[in-house]
């Protein structure tokens, strides 16, 4: 038996990072995907980029900070250490660029393993399990947007009220996922990959500690961003791009004031705004900027001169899918 499964990356349009704080987010999938193949084998083996790892003892499943940790975590989190399979993967989503590259690979791996084992989960439960594995088995300090977007795909308004990172798995409410692409014209968005590289947990943890301590600056800031995201939903559905851009700028300003941005990304954001962008902000924890501009293609040369490394266009694409099985 062989199974091929893929999942998309995602870009936060507005509302991030309040998915870690019971807030609301609008996010869009990417055309870029992580792809996983699981096939019958005579032992348990992992392979990517020409490297292989044979998993035999319990120690082989320990997280080691290498390319194979995601597969180790999924196998451990699903009690699948006894499988005799070969799991291989590749991805076109940049890692540590705020585009959910690691989570997309985790979601695709989890869905492939569950399908191979004959387990059928709803997308809600798959997203919750993926987030649990990322948090508990990989030790990643993460919210819920990534797992839900990589699982559901599309362009969605998501409400995470009542969800907290420290709650026991399965005890918090499921997120509300409201697809928007059938009711709205897709905004003219450009993703700009910058020189910044961030591990999301390291970016979010200091601010989270302040939030847990009841720091009013942080608590009030994220409540404000929640309201901005809900207003952004109306702006998007009304195709009011100037309003949406203003809200995106407010979102970024609040996050930046709390220390959630960096010099490389801010330089691109400032350049984009000076050259006609209606809105510009971080697409995630850092490393990629999302820009709302009426003529995004004409902006690329200017941004390249300002230090942009590459460009992508978000698009409502399918979430995790089984592409092939035989």
Protein backbone atom coordinates (compact mmCIF):
# COMPACT_ATOMS: atom_id res chain seq x y z
CA UNK A 1 0.00 0.00 0.00
CA UNK A 2 1.17 3.53 -0.76
CA UNK A 3 -0.43 6.85 0.23
CA UNK A 4 0.42 10.34 -1.04
CA UNK A 5 -0.88 13.26 1.02
CA UNK A 6 -0.32 17.01 0.82
CA UNK A 7 -1.20 20.14 2.80
CA UNK A 8 -0.78 23.86 2.03
CA UNK A 9 1.01 26.62 3.85
CA UNK A 10 -0.91 29.69 4.97
CA UNK A 11 -0.60 33.47 5.27
CA UNK A 12 -2.29 35.48 7.99
CA UNK A 13 -4.18 38.38 6.41
CA UNK A 14 -5.34 39.97 9.64
CA UNK A 15 -5.80 39.11 13.31
CA UNK A 16 -2.58 37.23 14.00
CA UNK A 17 -1.26 36.39 16.53
CA UNK A 18 -4.51 36.37 18.51
CA UNK A 19 -5.13 32.71 17.62
CA UNK A 20 -2.90 32.07 20.65
CA UNK A 21 -5.12 34.21 22.86
CA UNK A 22 -8.68 33.16 22.10
CA UNK A 23 -8.94 35.72 19.31
CA UNK A 24 -9.99 35.87 15.66
CA UNK A 25 -7.96 35.59 12.46
CA UNK A 26 -8.50 35.80 8.71
CA UNK A 27 -6.04 33.63 6.84
CA UNK A 28 -5.51 32.32 3.30
CA UNK A 29 -3.84 29.16 2.07
CA UNK A 30 -0.84 29.09 -0.24
CA UNK A 31 -0.42 27.33 -3.56
CA UNK A 32 2.84 25.92 -2.15
CA UNK A 33 2.40 22.57 -0.38
CA UNK A 34 4.15 19.93 1.69
CA UNK A 35 3.82 16.44 0.20
CA UNK A 36 4.25 13.14 2.10
CA UNK A 37 4.47 9.57 0.80
CA UNK A 38 3.95 6.58 3.08
CA UNK A 39 4.45 3.11 1.65
CA UNK A 40 4.85 -0.49 2.79
CA UNK A 41 8.43 -1.31 3.78
CA UNK A 42 10.22 -4.05 5.67
CA UNK A 43 11.18 -1.69 8.49
CA UNK A 44 10.39 1.86 9.68
CA UNK A 45 12.40 4.38 7.70
CA UNK A 46 12.25 8.14 7.17
CA UNK A 47 13.66 9.90 4.10
CA UNK A 48 13.96 13.48 2.87
CA UNK A 49 16.46 15.41 0.74
CA UNK A 50 18.52 12.28 0.18
CA UNK A 51 18.94 11.60 3.92
CA UNK A 52 17.53 8.54 5.65
CA UNK A 53 16.86 7.55 9.24
CA UNK A 54 16.08 4.02 10.42
CA UNK A 55 13.88 3.96 13.55
CA UNK A 56 14.35 0.81 15.63
CA UNK A 57 14.64 1.61 19.34
CA UNK A 58 12.62 3.92 21.56
CA UNK A 59 15.55 6.31 21.62
CA UNK A 60 15.29 6.73 17.85
CA UNK A 61 11.95 8.51 18.33
CA UNK A 62 13.39 11.26 20.55
CA UNK A 63 13.29 14.80 19.19
CA UNK A 64 16.79 15.75 18.00
CA UNK A 65 16.44 19.06 16.25
CA UNK A 66 16.84 17.65 12.73
CA UNK A 67 14.70 17.25 9.58
CA UNK A 68 13.07 14.09 10.94
CA UNK A 69 11.56 15.44 14.16
CA UNK A 70 8.12 16.08 12.66
CA UNK A 71 7.75 12.47 11.51
CA UNK A 72 9.08 11.21 14.87
CA UNK A 73 6.53 13.36 16.70
CA UNK A 74 3.62 12.18 14.54
CA UNK A 75 4.57 8.53 14.96
CA UNK A 76 4.88 8.98 18.72
CA UNK A 77 1.71 11.08 19.02
CA UNK A 78 -0.34 8.46 17.16
CA UNK A 79 1.28 5.42 18.82
CA UNK A 80 2.48 4.29 15.40
CA UNK A 81 6.07 3.37 16.29
CA UNK A 82 5.43 -0.25 15.30
CA UNK A 83 4.65 0.48 11.63
CA UNK A 84 6.74 -1.08 8.89
CA UNK A 85 6.67 1.77 6.39
CA UNK A 86 8.86 4.22 4.57
CA UNK A 87 7.82 7.86 5.05
CA UNK A 88 9.32 10.38 2.66
CA UNK A 89 8.49 14.01 2.02
CA UNK A 90 9.28 17.22 0.23
CA UNK A 91 7.95 20.76 0.51
CA UNK A 92 7.90 23.99 -1.47
CA UNK A 93 7.00 26.08 1.60
CA UNK A 94 9.90 27.98 3.19
CA UNK A 95 10.63 26.98 6.79
CA UNK A 96 10.92 29.60 9.56
CA UNK A 97 9.30 32.19 7.31
CA UNK A 98 5.99 32.65 9.11
CA UNK A 99 4.07 30.59 6.52
CA UNK A 100 3.36 27.47 8.58
CA UNK A 101 5.92 25.38 6.69
CA UNK A 102 6.50 23.00 9.60
CA UNK A 103 2.82 22.64 10.44
CA UNK A 104 1.85 21.88 6.84
CA UNK A 105 4.36 19.03 6.84
CA UNK A 106 3.05 17.81 10.20
CA UNK A 107 -0.58 17.89 9.01
CA UNK A 108 0.27 16.03 5.79
CA UNK A 109 2.26 13.41 7.72
CA UNK A 110 -0.47 12.96 10.31
CA UNK A 111 -3.20 12.60 7.67
CA UNK A 112 -1.10 10.10 5.71
CA UNK A 113 -0.37 7.98 8.78
CA UNK A 114 -4.00 7.99 9.87
CA UNK A 115 -5.22 7.09 6.38
CA UNK A 116 -2.66 4.28 6.17
CA UNK A 117 -3.89 2.94 9.52
CA UNK A 118 -7.54 3.20 8.51
CA UNK A 119 -8.37 6.02 10.93
CA UNK A 120 -11.01 8.52 9.82
CA UNK A 121 -11.04 11.93 11.53
CA UNK A 122 -13.06 15.05 10.82
CA UNK A 123 -11.01 18.03 9.71
CA UNK A 124 -11.67 19.66 13.08
CA UNK A 125 -10.26 16.72 15.01
CA UNK A 126 -7.34 16.34 12.62
CA UNK A 127 -6.44 20.00 13.14
CA UNK A 128 -6.69 19.62 16.91
CA UNK A 129 -4.50 16.51 16.91
CA UNK A 130 -1.92 18.21 14.72
CA UNK A 131 -1.74 21.18 17.04
CA UNK A 132 -1.51 18.89 20.08
CA UNK A 133 1.41 16.98 18.53
CA UNK A 134 3.19 20.21 17.62
CA UNK A 135 2.79 21.58 21.13
CA UNK A 136 3.23 18.49 23.29
CA UNK A 137 5.64 16.34 21.28
CA UNK A 138 7.69 18.96 19.42
CA UNK A 139 7.54 21.56 22.19
CA UNK A 140 6.54 24.32 19.76
CA UNK A 141 4.86 27.29 21.42
CA UNK A 142 2.05 27.72 18.91
CA UNK A 143 -1.52 28.89 18.42
CA UNK A 144 -4.28 27.24 16.43
CA UNK A 145 -4.33 29.13 13.12
CA UNK A 146 -1.61 27.02 11.48
CA UNK A 147 -3.09 23.61 12.20
CA UNK A 148 -6.59 24.67 11.16
CA UNK A 149 -5.50 26.42 7.96
CA UNK A 150 -3.22 23.61 6.80
CA UNK A 151 -6.08 21.19 7.41
CA UNK A 152 -9.00 23.21 5.98
CA UNK A 153 -7.27 25.30 3.31
CA UNK A 154 -9.17 28.11 1.57
CA UNK A 155 -9.59 31.65 2.87
CA UNK A 156 -11.26 31.61 6.27
CA UNK A 157 -12.42 33.74 9.14
CA UNK A 158 -11.58 31.69 12.25
CA UNK A 159 -12.72 32.30 15.79
CA UNK A 160 -10.72 30.75 18.62
CA UNK A 161 -12.64 32.04 21.61
CA UNK A 162 -12.28 29.77 24.63
CA UNK A 163 -9.11 28.08 23.35
CA UNK A 164 -5.94 28.26 25.44
CA UNK A 165 -2.59 26.55 24.87
CA UNK A 166 -2.38 25.07 28.37
CA UNK A 167 -5.75 23.28 28.36
CA UNK A 168 -5.91 19.50 28.30
CA UNK A 169 -6.26 18.09 24.81
CA UNK A 170 -9.93 17.81 23.89
CA UNK A 171 -11.19 19.93 26.77
CA UNK A 172 -11.42 23.25 24.92
CA UNK A 173 -14.02 24.13 22.27
CA UNK A 174 -13.39 23.45 18.61
CA UNK A 175 -12.62 26.54 16.54
CA UNK A 176 -15.23 28.19 14.33
CA UNK A 177 -14.09 28.08 10.70
CA UNK A 178 -16.06 30.27 8.29
CA UNK A 179 -15.03 30.06 4.60
CA UNK A 180 -15.03 33.45 2.89
CA UNK A 181 -13.84 32.78 -0.66
CA UNK A 182 -17.34 31.99 -1.97
CA UNK A 183 -18.62 35.36 -0.76
CA UNK A 184 -15.77 37.71 -1.55
CA UNK A 185 -13.55 38.81 -4.40
CA UNK A 186 -10.01 37.69 -3.58
CA UNK A 187 -7.94 40.70 -2.50
CA UNK A 188 -4.80 41.60 -4.46
CA UNK A 189 -2.19 40.20 -2.07
CA UNK A 190 1.54 39.62 -2.41
CA UNK A 191 3.78 37.63 -0.08
CA UNK A 192 7.36 38.84 0.22
CA UNK A 193 9.97 36.50 1.67
CA UNK A 194 12.65 38.49 3.52
CA UNK A 195 16.04 37.83 5.10
CA UNK A 196 14.46 37.40 8.53
CA UNK A 197 14.20 33.86 9.90
CA UNK A 198 12.15 33.24 13.00
CA UNK A 199 11.15 30.22 15.07
CA UNK A 200 7.57 31.07 16.00
CA UNK A 201 7.81 29.78 19.56
CA UNK A 202 10.80 32.00 20.33
CA UNK A 203 8.99 35.03 18.92
CA UNK A 204 5.75 34.47 20.83
CA UNK A 205 6.91 33.13 24.19
CA UNK A 206 8.15 36.39 25.81
CA UNK A 207 4.93 38.19 24.87
CA UNK A 208 2.85 35.23 26.02
CA UNK A 209 4.57 35.34 29.41
CA UNK A 210 3.50 38.97 29.77
CA UNK A 211 -0.06 38.04 28.80
CA UNK A 212 -0.17 35.24 31.39
CA UNK A 213 1.06 37.70 34.01
CA UNK A 214 -1.88 39.97 33.17
CA UNK A 215 0.21 42.76 31.62
CA UNK A 216 -2.51 45.25 30.59
CA UNK A 217 -0.54 46.49 27.60
CA UNK A 218 -0.47 43.00 26.07
CA UNK A 219 -4.01 42.01 27.07
CA UNK A 220 -5.51 45.24 25.73
CA UNK A 221 -3.41 45.08 22.56
CA UNK A 222 -4.63 41.62 21.63
CA UNK A 223 -8.23 42.42 22.46
CA UNK A 224 -7.82 45.35 20.06
CA UNK A 225 -6.43 43.09 17.32
CA UNK A 226 -9.40 40.73 17.79
CA UNK A 227 -11.74 43.62 17.03
CA UNK A 228 -9.59 44.61 14.07
CA UNK A 229 -9.93 41.08 12.64
CA UNK A 230 -13.71 41.15 12.96
CA UNK A 231 -13.83 44.53 11.25
CA UNK A 232 -11.50 43.09 8.61
CA UNK A 233 -14.05 40.42 7.83
CA UNK A 234 -16.62 43.07 6.95
CA UNK A 235 -14.07 45.03 4.92
CA UNK A 236 -13.09 41.93 2.96
CA UNK A 237 -16.68 40.89 2.26
CA UNK A 238 -17.47 44.44 1.16
CA UNK A 239 -14.35 44.50 -1.04
CA UNK A 240 -13.39 47.71 0.76
CA UNK A 241 -9.65 47.37 0.19
CA UNK A 242 -8.69 50.76 1.62
CA UNK A 243 -10.40 49.90 4.90
CA UNK A 244 -8.88 46.41 4.94
CA UNK A 245 -5.43 47.92 4.30
CA UNK A 246 -5.87 50.41 7.14
CA UNK A 247 -6.83 47.58 9.49
CA UNK A 248 -3.82 45.50 8.39
CA UNK A 249 -1.55 48.45 9.15
CA UNK A 250 -3.12 48.87 12.59
CA UNK A 251 -2.65 45.16 13.26
CA UNK A 252 1.04 45.39 12.44
CA UNK A 253 1.58 48.57 14.43
CA UNK A 254 0.16 46.98 17.57
CA UNK A 255 2.21 43.79 17.17
CA UNK A 256 5.36 45.76 16.41
CA UNK A 257 4.93 47.94 19.50
CA UNK A 258 4.92 44.74 21.59
CA UNK A 259 8.18 43.55 20.02
CA UNK A 260 6.61 41.12 17.54
CA UNK A 261 8.41 42.39 14.43
CA UNK A 262 11.98 42.82 13.18
CA UNK A 263 14.16 45.18 11.15
CA UNK A 264 14.20 43.18 7.90
CA UNK A 265 10.44 42.80 7.68
CA UNK A 266 9.75 46.36 8.77
CA UNK A 267 12.00 47.69 5.97
CA UNK A 268 9.93 45.84 3.36
CA UNK A 269 6.68 46.99 4.96
CA UNK A 270 7.79 50.63 4.91
CA UNK A 271 8.95 50.39 1.29
CA UNK A 272 5.64 48.83 0.22
CA UNK A 273 3.61 51.55 1.94
CA UNK A 274 5.70 54.31 0.38
CA UNK A 275 4.99 52.77 -3.01
CA UNK A 276 1.23 52.61 -2.82
CA UNK A 277 0.46 49.58 -0.64
CA UNK A 278 -2.89 49.94 1.09
CA UNK A 279 -1.76 47.60 3.85
CA UNK A 280 1.33 45.63 4.85
CA UNK A 281 2.06 43.44 7.86
CA UNK A 282 3.69 40.21 8.95
CA UNK A 283 2.07 37.09 7.53
CA UNK A 284 3.07 35.14 10.62
CA UNK A 285 5.84 35.19 13.18
CA UNK A 286 8.35 36.80 10.82
CA UNK A 287 10.22 36.21 7.59
CA UNK A 288 7.34 36.95 5.24
CA UNK A 289 5.36 40.16 4.73
CA UNK A 290 1.85 40.19 3.27
CA UNK A 291 1.04 43.24 1.16
CA UNK A 292 -2.30 44.54 -0.12
CA UNK A 293 -1.65 46.58 -3.27
CA UNK A 294 -3.80 47.32 -6.35
CA UNK A 295 -0.92 46.41 -8.71
CA UNK A 296 1.21 43.85 -6.90
CA UNK A 297 3.21 42.74 -9.94
CA UNK A 298 4.48 46.27 -10.55
CA UNK A 299 5.78 46.41 -6.99
CA UNK A 300 8.20 43.49 -7.24
CA UNK A 301 11.22 45.30 -8.69
CA UNK A 302 11.09 47.98 -6.02
CA UNK A 303 10.83 45.40 -3.25
CA UNK A 304 13.67 43.35 -4.70
CA UNK A 305 15.89 46.42 -4.51
CA UNK A 306 14.79 46.80 -0.87
CA UNK A 307 15.92 43.26 0.01
CA UNK A 308 13.03 40.96 -0.93
CA UNK A 309 14.26 37.43 -1.61
CA UNK A 310 11.24 35.89 -3.33
CA UNK A 311 7.53 36.35 -3.91
CA UNK A 312 4.41 34.22 -3.60
CA UNK A 313 0.70 34.82 -4.14
CA UNK A 314 -1.76 33.44 -1.56
CA UNK A 315 -4.79 31.73 -3.05
CA UNK A 316 -7.74 29.78 -1.61
CA UNK A 317 -6.50 26.24 -2.24
CA UNK A 318 -7.64 22.87 -0.86
CA UNK A 319 -6.51 21.90 2.61
CA UNK A 320 -4.99 18.53 3.41
CA UNK A 321 -5.85 15.96 0.75
CA UNK A 322 -5.06 12.34 -0.07
CA UNK A 323 -3.71 12.78 -3.59
CA UNK A 324 -3.14 9.12 -4.35
CA UNK A 325 -3.51 5.72 -2.75
CA UNK A 326 -2.95 2.26 -4.14
